[in-house]
Protein backbone atom coordinates (compact mmCIF):
# COMPACT_ATOMS: atom_id res chain seq x y z
CA UNK A 1 117.05 101.01 140.76
CA UNK A 2 117.29 101.05 144.53
CA UNK A 3 117.18 97.55 145.92
CA UNK A 4 114.94 96.73 148.88
CA UNK A 5 116.51 94.16 151.22
CA UNK A 6 114.60 91.79 153.48
CA UNK A 7 116.42 93.35 156.44
CA UNK A 8 119.04 96.10 156.77
CA UNK A 9 121.16 95.61 159.90
CA UNK A 10 123.54 98.38 158.89
CA UNK A 11 120.73 100.94 159.17
CA UNK A 12 119.82 99.63 162.60
CA UNK A 13 123.42 100.01 163.77
CA UNK A 14 123.57 103.55 162.42
CA UNK A 15 120.38 104.49 164.29
CA UNK A 16 121.90 103.61 167.69
CA UNK A 17 125.62 103.84 166.90
CA UNK A 18 126.66 106.11 169.82
CA UNK A 19 125.04 103.78 172.36
CA UNK A 20 126.67 100.72 170.84
CA UNK A 21 130.08 102.35 170.50
CA UNK A 22 129.93 103.12 174.22
CA UNK A 23 129.30 99.43 174.91
CA UNK A 24 132.32 98.37 172.86
CA UNK A 25 134.55 100.78 174.75
CA UNK A 26 133.15 99.81 178.15
CA UNK A 27 133.56 96.06 177.65
CA UNK A 28 137.02 96.33 176.12
CA UNK A 29 138.20 98.60 178.92
CA UNK A 30 137.01 96.12 181.55
CA UNK A 31 138.92 93.27 179.93
CA UNK A 32 136.36 90.71 181.11
CA UNK A 33 134.57 88.89 178.31
CA UNK A 34 132.69 85.84 179.63
CA UNK A 35 129.84 85.75 182.20
CA UNK A 36 130.63 89.10 183.76
CA UNK A 37 128.64 92.14 184.83
CA UNK A 38 127.13 92.82 181.39
CA UNK A 39 125.67 89.32 181.23
CA UNK A 40 124.32 89.57 184.79
CA UNK A 41 122.74 92.95 184.07
CA UNK A 42 121.20 91.76 180.82
CA UNK A 43 119.79 88.65 182.48
CA UNK A 44 118.06 90.79 185.09
CA UNK A 45 116.72 93.28 182.53
CA UNK A 46 115.53 90.59 180.11
CA UNK A 47 113.78 88.64 182.87
CA UNK A 48 111.93 91.80 183.91
CA UNK A 49 111.01 92.51 180.29
CA UNK A 50 109.59 89.00 179.79
CA UNK A 51 107.78 89.07 183.12
CA UNK A 52 109.62 86.07 184.56
CA UNK A 53 111.80 85.51 187.59
CA UNK A 54 114.91 84.15 185.86
CA UNK A 55 116.84 84.60 182.61
CA UNK A 56 120.08 82.78 181.84
CA UNK A 57 122.28 83.92 178.94
CA UNK A 58 123.63 81.15 176.69
CA UNK A 59 125.51 80.84 173.42
CA UNK A 60 122.64 80.36 170.95
CA UNK A 61 118.93 79.79 170.61
CA UNK A 62 119.47 76.16 169.63
CA UNK A 63 121.49 75.53 172.78
CA UNK A 64 118.88 77.42 174.82
CA UNK A 65 116.36 74.78 173.73
CA UNK A 66 118.85 71.99 174.36
CA UNK A 67 119.59 73.26 177.86
CA UNK A 68 115.89 73.69 178.64
CA UNK A 69 115.30 70.06 177.67
CA UNK A 70 118.29 68.95 179.74
CA UNK A 71 117.01 70.89 182.76
CA UNK A 72 113.66 69.10 182.41
CA UNK A 73 115.57 65.80 182.17
CA UNK A 74 114.12 65.06 178.74
CA UNK A 75 116.52 62.85 176.84
CA UNK A 76 117.21 59.36 175.59
CA UNK A 77 114.11 57.31 174.70
CA UNK A 78 111.82 60.28 175.39
CA UNK A 79 109.62 61.97 172.79
CA UNK A 80 108.90 65.66 172.29
CA UNK A 81 106.01 67.16 170.31
CA UNK A 82 107.15 69.92 167.94
CA UNK A 83 105.40 71.70 165.07
CA UNK A 84 106.21 70.32 161.64
CA UNK A 85 106.63 73.85 160.24
CA UNK A 86 109.63 75.29 162.06
CA UNK A 87 113.35 75.86 161.69
CA UNK A 88 115.49 72.73 161.72
CA UNK A 89 117.05 74.10 164.93
CA UNK A 90 113.97 73.06 166.94
CA UNK A 91 114.32 69.43 165.91
CA UNK A 92 118.11 69.55 166.17
CA UNK A 93 117.88 70.61 169.82
CA UNK A 94 115.50 67.74 170.61
CA UNK A 95 117.77 65.18 168.98
CA UNK A 96 120.91 66.59 170.61
CA UNK A 97 119.80 65.12 173.93
CA UNK A 98 118.77 61.80 172.44
CA UNK A 99 115.01 62.42 172.36
CA UNK A 100 112.78 61.84 169.34
CA UNK A 101 110.73 64.66 167.79
CA UNK A 102 107.04 63.99 167.18
CA UNK A 103 105.90 66.28 164.37
CA UNK A 104 102.53 67.99 164.71
CA UNK A 105 100.80 69.69 161.79
CA UNK A 106 100.00 73.41 161.93
CA UNK A 107 96.86 75.52 161.82
CA UNK A 108 96.01 77.34 158.60
CA UNK A 109 95.77 80.82 160.15
CA UNK A 110 98.97 81.34 162.17
CA UNK A 111 101.12 78.47 160.81
CA UNK A 112 101.89 77.44 164.39
CA UNK A 113 101.34 74.11 166.15
CA UNK A 114 97.69 73.02 166.04
CA UNK A 115 96.79 72.04 169.63
CA UNK A 116 93.76 70.04 168.47
CA UNK A 117 96.13 67.50 166.89
CA UNK A 118 98.29 66.81 169.94
CA UNK A 119 96.21 63.82 171.03
CA UNK A 120 97.09 62.05 167.78
CA UNK A 121 100.80 61.86 168.53
CA UNK A 122 100.77 61.24 172.28
CA UNK A 123 102.54 58.05 173.42
CA UNK A 124 103.69 56.77 176.83
CA UNK A 125 107.16 58.15 176.01
CA UNK A 126 106.03 61.72 175.32
CA UNK A 127 107.59 64.05 177.89
CA UNK A 128 107.29 67.58 176.51
CA UNK A 129 105.73 69.94 173.99
CA UNK A 130 107.67 72.70 172.24
CA UNK A 131 105.23 75.32 170.90
CA UNK A 132 107.10 77.58 168.46
CA UNK A 133 105.93 81.21 168.26
CA UNK A 134 106.74 81.32 164.56
CA UNK A 135 107.27 84.53 162.57
CA UNK A 136 106.58 86.53 165.75
CA UNK A 137 103.04 85.17 166.13
CA UNK A 138 102.14 83.66 169.51
CA UNK A 139 100.81 80.11 169.71
CA UNK A 140 97.34 79.57 171.22
CA UNK A 141 98.80 78.63 174.59
CA UNK A 142 95.65 77.86 176.61
CA UNK A 143 94.84 74.55 174.88
CA UNK A 144 98.54 73.60 174.79
CA UNK A 145 98.85 74.13 178.53
CA UNK A 146 95.61 72.28 179.24
CA UNK A 147 96.76 69.27 177.21
CA UNK A 148 100.14 69.36 178.95
CA UNK A 149 98.57 69.44 182.40
CA UNK A 150 96.22 66.57 181.59
CA UNK A 151 99.10 64.44 180.34
CA UNK A 152 101.87 65.56 182.73
CA UNK A 153 104.08 67.07 180.04
CA UNK A 154 106.61 69.90 180.19
CA UNK A 155 105.89 72.94 178.02
CA UNK A 156 109.08 74.44 176.59
CA UNK A 157 108.35 77.56 174.56
CA UNK A 158 110.50 78.32 171.53
CA UNK A 159 110.45 82.14 171.42
CA UNK A 160 113.34 82.49 168.98
CA UNK A 161 111.29 84.61 166.58
CA UNK A 162 108.99 86.30 169.06
CA UNK A 163 110.83 88.77 171.32
CA UNK A 164 108.14 90.97 172.86
CA UNK A 165 105.21 89.02 171.43
CA UNK A 166 102.31 88.41 173.79
CA UNK A 167 99.35 86.10 174.29
CA UNK A 168 96.40 87.42 176.27
CA UNK A 169 98.52 90.46 177.25
CA UNK A 170 101.27 88.30 178.76
CA UNK A 171 104.66 88.00 177.10
CA UNK A 172 105.61 84.75 175.42
CA UNK A 173 108.22 82.93 177.46
CA UNK A 174 106.18 83.40 180.62
CA UNK A 175 103.59 80.73 179.83
CA UNK A 176 105.40 77.40 179.84
CA UNK A 177 107.61 75.68 182.37
CA UNK A 178 110.65 77.13 180.63
CA UNK A 179 111.40 78.96 177.37
CA UNK A 180 114.21 79.56 174.89
CA UNK A 181 115.17 82.71 172.96
CA UNK A 182 117.63 83.23 170.13
CA UNK A 183 119.55 86.48 169.63
CA UNK A 184 120.76 85.70 166.12
CA UNK A 185 121.47 89.06 164.42
CA UNK A 186 118.31 89.09 162.28
CA UNK A 187 115.91 88.58 165.21
CA UNK A 188 113.73 91.39 166.55
CA UNK A 189 116.25 91.50 169.41
CA UNK A 190 119.51 90.48 167.78
CA UNK A 191 123.14 90.45 168.86
CA UNK A 192 126.16 90.97 166.62
CA UNK A 193 126.76 87.23 166.56
CA UNK A 194 125.16 84.17 168.08
CA UNK A 195 123.50 84.31 171.47
CA UNK A 196 120.50 83.02 173.36
CA UNK A 197 118.69 82.90 176.68
CA UNK A 198 116.61 80.53 178.76
CA UNK A 199 113.83 82.08 180.85
CA UNK A 200 111.63 80.54 183.53
CA UNK A 201 109.69 81.20 186.71
CA UNK A 202 110.90 77.90 188.17
CA UNK A 203 113.93 78.45 190.46
CA UNK A 204 114.97 74.79 190.32
CA UNK A 205 115.03 74.74 186.51
CA UNK A 206 116.83 78.10 186.45
CA UNK A 207 119.60 76.87 188.73
CA UNK A 208 120.02 73.71 186.67
CA UNK A 209 120.41 75.73 183.47
CA UNK A 210 123.01 77.97 185.16
CA UNK A 211 125.02 74.88 186.02
CA UNK A 212 124.46 73.12 182.70
CA UNK A 213 125.63 76.07 180.58
CA UNK A 214 129.14 75.85 182.05
CA UNK A 215 130.13 72.20 182.46
CA UNK A 216 127.88 71.74 185.48
CA UNK A 217 130.27 73.76 187.63
CA UNK A 218 128.94 74.45 191.10
CA UNK A 219 132.30 76.07 191.78
CA UNK A 220 135.25 76.73 189.51
CA UNK A 221 136.44 73.47 187.90
CA UNK A 222 134.09 71.36 190.06
CA UNK A 223 131.22 69.78 188.10
CA UNK A 224 128.29 68.74 190.26
CA UNK A 225 126.35 67.59 187.18
CA UNK A 226 127.31 66.94 183.57
CA UNK A 227 126.91 70.06 181.47
CA UNK A 228 128.11 71.70 178.28
CA UNK A 229 129.80 74.95 177.28
CA UNK A 230 127.14 77.48 176.23
CA UNK A 231 127.90 80.98 177.49
CA UNK A 232 126.70 84.40 176.37
CA UNK A 233 129.70 86.71 176.10
CA UNK A 234 129.99 90.19 177.61
CA UNK A 235 130.06 92.09 174.33
CA UNK A 236 126.87 90.49 173.04
CA UNK A 237 125.17 91.03 176.40
CA UNK A 238 126.09 94.73 176.33
CA UNK A 239 124.75 95.08 172.79
CA UNK A 240 121.53 93.33 173.78
CA UNK A 241 121.08 95.64 176.77
CA UNK A 242 121.11 98.64 174.43
CA UNK A 243 118.77 97.04 171.90
CA UNK A 244 116.34 95.85 174.57
CA UNK A 245 115.64 99.50 175.43
CA UNK A 246 114.50 100.04 171.82
CA UNK A 247 112.63 96.77 171.30
CA UNK A 248 109.10 97.94 172.04
CA UNK A 249 109.46 100.91 169.70
CA UNK A 250 110.89 98.68 166.97
CA UNK A 251 108.10 96.15 167.40
CA UNK A 252 105.49 98.91 167.23
CA UNK A 253 107.04 100.04 163.96
CA UNK A 254 106.87 96.48 162.62
CA UNK A 255 103.15 96.43 163.43
CA UNK A 256 102.66 99.74 161.61
CA UNK A 257 104.39 98.36 158.52
CA UNK A 258 102.34 95.15 158.71
CA UNK A 259 99.15 97.22 158.81
CA UNK A 260 100.31 99.15 155.76
CA UNK A 261 101.05 95.94 153.87
CA UNK A 262 97.56 94.69 154.73
CA UNK A 263 95.94 97.91 153.56
CA UNK A 264 97.80 97.99 150.25
CA UNK A 265 97.43 94.27 149.52
CA UNK A 266 93.78 93.89 150.50
CA UNK A 267 91.59 92.48 147.77
CA UNK A 268 94.42 90.54 146.09
CA UNK A 269 94.71 86.78 145.66
CA UNK A 270 97.29 86.63 148.47
CA UNK A 271 96.74 84.99 151.82
CA UNK A 272 97.85 87.62 154.34
CA UNK A 273 98.94 86.99 157.95
CA UNK A 274 96.08 86.64 160.40
CA UNK A 275 95.61 89.75 162.53
CA UNK A 276 96.81 89.12 166.06
CA UNK A 277 97.29 91.83 168.67
CA UNK A 278 100.30 90.06 170.15
CA UNK A 279 102.14 89.55 166.83
CA UNK A 280 105.55 91.28 166.51
CA UNK A 281 106.14 90.43 162.82
CA UNK A 282 109.61 88.97 162.88
CA UNK A 283 108.54 88.14 159.34
CA UNK A 284 105.62 89.40 157.27
CA UNK A 285 104.62 86.17 155.55
CA UNK A 286 102.20 86.01 152.65
CA UNK A 287 101.03 82.96 150.74
CA UNK A 288 100.59 82.66 146.99
CA UNK A 289 99.95 79.56 144.86
CA UNK A 290 102.61 80.78 142.38
CA UNK A 291 105.09 81.72 145.06
CA UNK A 292 108.26 80.98 143.10
CA UNK A 293 107.14 82.98 140.07
CA UNK A 294 106.17 85.91 142.30
CA UNK A 295 109.51 85.77 144.08
CA UNK A 296 111.40 85.84 140.78
CA UNK A 297 109.25 88.75 139.54
CA UNK A 298 110.08 90.76 142.68
CA UNK A 299 113.78 89.88 142.45
CA UNK A 300 113.94 91.26 138.90
CA UNK A 301 112.67 94.56 140.34
CA UNK A 302 115.24 94.69 143.10
CA UNK A 303 112.92 93.47 145.85
CA UNK A 304 114.44 90.75 148.00
CA UNK A 305 112.38 88.10 149.75
CA UNK A 306 112.99 84.88 151.68
CA UNK A 307 111.16 81.59 152.12
CA UNK A 308 110.71 80.37 155.69
CA UNK A 309 110.74 77.37 155.11
CA UNK A 310 110.82 75.83 151.60
CA UNK A 311 111.17 72.13 152.53
CA UNK A 312 109.40 70.71 155.58
CA UNK A 313 111.62 68.92 158.05
CA UNK A 314 110.06 65.51 157.42
CA UNK A 315 110.80 65.78 153.68
CA UNK A 316 114.46 66.72 154.11
CA UNK A 317 117.01 63.96 153.47
CA UNK A 318 118.54 64.19 156.96
CA UNK A 319 115.19 63.50 158.64
CA UNK A 320 113.71 60.85 156.36
CA UNK A 321 114.15 58.30 159.17
CA UNK A 322 111.56 60.11 161.32
CA UNK A 323 108.99 58.16 159.34
CA UNK A 324 106.68 60.86 157.98
CA UNK A 325 106.01 60.24 154.28
CA UNK A 326 104.90 62.92 151.86
CA UNK A 327 101.25 63.77 152.47
CA UNK A 328 101.32 62.93 156.18
CA UNK A 329 101.46 66.59 157.29
CA UNK A 330 99.26 68.25 154.66
CA UNK A 331 98.98 71.81 155.99
CA UNK A 332 102.71 72.06 156.61
CA UNK A 333 103.42 70.78 153.11
CA UNK A 334 100.97 73.20 151.49
CA UNK A 335 102.24 76.20 153.45
CA UNK A 336 105.87 75.40 152.62
CA UNK A 337 105.01 75.57 148.90
CA UNK A 338 103.27 78.96 149.22
CA UNK A 339 104.90 81.10 151.94
CA UNK A 340 106.98 84.16 151.08
CA UNK A 341 108.56 86.57 153.57
CA UNK A 342 108.42 90.20 152.43
CA UNK A 343 110.85 92.91 153.61
CA UNK A 344 110.04 94.10 157.13
CA UNK A 345 112.31 95.85 159.61
CA UNK A 346 111.93 99.04 161.66
CA UNK A 347 113.96 101.20 159.28
CA UNK A 348 111.89 100.20 156.23
CA UNK A 349 110.05 103.24 154.84
CA UNK A 350 106.43 103.56 153.79
CA UNK A 351 107.66 104.36 150.29
CA UNK A 352 109.54 101.05 150.15
CA UNK A 353 106.46 99.16 151.30
CA UNK A 354 104.50 100.93 148.58
CA UNK A 355 107.00 99.79 145.93
CA UNK A 356 106.85 96.20 147.15
CA UNK A 357 103.06 96.19 147.12
CA UNK A 358 102.82 97.83 143.70
CA UNK A 359 105.11 95.16 142.25
CA UNK A 360 102.92 92.44 143.77
CA UNK A 361 99.79 94.09 142.36
CA UNK A 362 101.44 94.28 138.93
CA UNK A 363 102.27 90.58 139.12
CA UNK A 364 98.71 89.71 140.10
CA UNK A 365 97.34 91.76 137.20
CA UNK A 366 99.24 89.72 134.60
């Protein structure tokens, strides 16, 4: 039986191998590996793609968030609103600078931060909101931005799963004061290792991030502010430049596959992703009340799935001190028990999608 993986990065490499091999040769021949011409070129190209004035390459998506918070001077004794249903990295970045995350429950359609709940968590110490464009689905940004303006808060977009996604025909990352991207290998735009970027239209914030990513150096070995070491390397930047040229085609393919899943799974007892024109389907996430049994059934048939995310942050041992008891974030808790990410990547075939859907239909018929 041929197994169906959640993602197949080997097939992606094979599809663009000549372009990538040329990057390896070019970078190795130059002999310059940190913050060189490849990084500069990628920053320019990625900024243009996102529709912003500035992009700054950094070492990871988590550090992109951390640096964005640092640039906004959000830190000790401050509070930051974040969705309760997100990767731990979002909360980790907030805590890295000494701030406290304020968890906000999610909406039932997109599983992203519910703007109507923001007023419940606001305190005099709240300095920023981090809307996370989860699974490739854009957050409803208009009410988030309105709330932020009314309460003088920074908006720091977490676009780690949403490369190329858009809200009202404008790319995510271009809405807030500043935004963070991850280039972890499994992302829609992924490197061959860790990597990230901060994007913004604000020249002051952009310059601060450029300093902060390399010890605060205003010139070599001279730190004008206190920074950290978070640099995108030349090889990853070169790889990302190649992949960026293919991103729109890959995202279009993801949308085609999502439409096929919807067609084949219509009429079942599954909760399917809400249709959203700006969605880029980093994950195709269904919900089922017997999620674990369904996942095991698919595994027995060679179909691999993932759960993003099985245990909400507030119920994990490391974050018990945040003070959110079980039942306090009901939609997040329900979704975490039911979500299942099906295989989706540009090289996935229609036949494979058909096999996945038939197995789900067989399970539902039991």
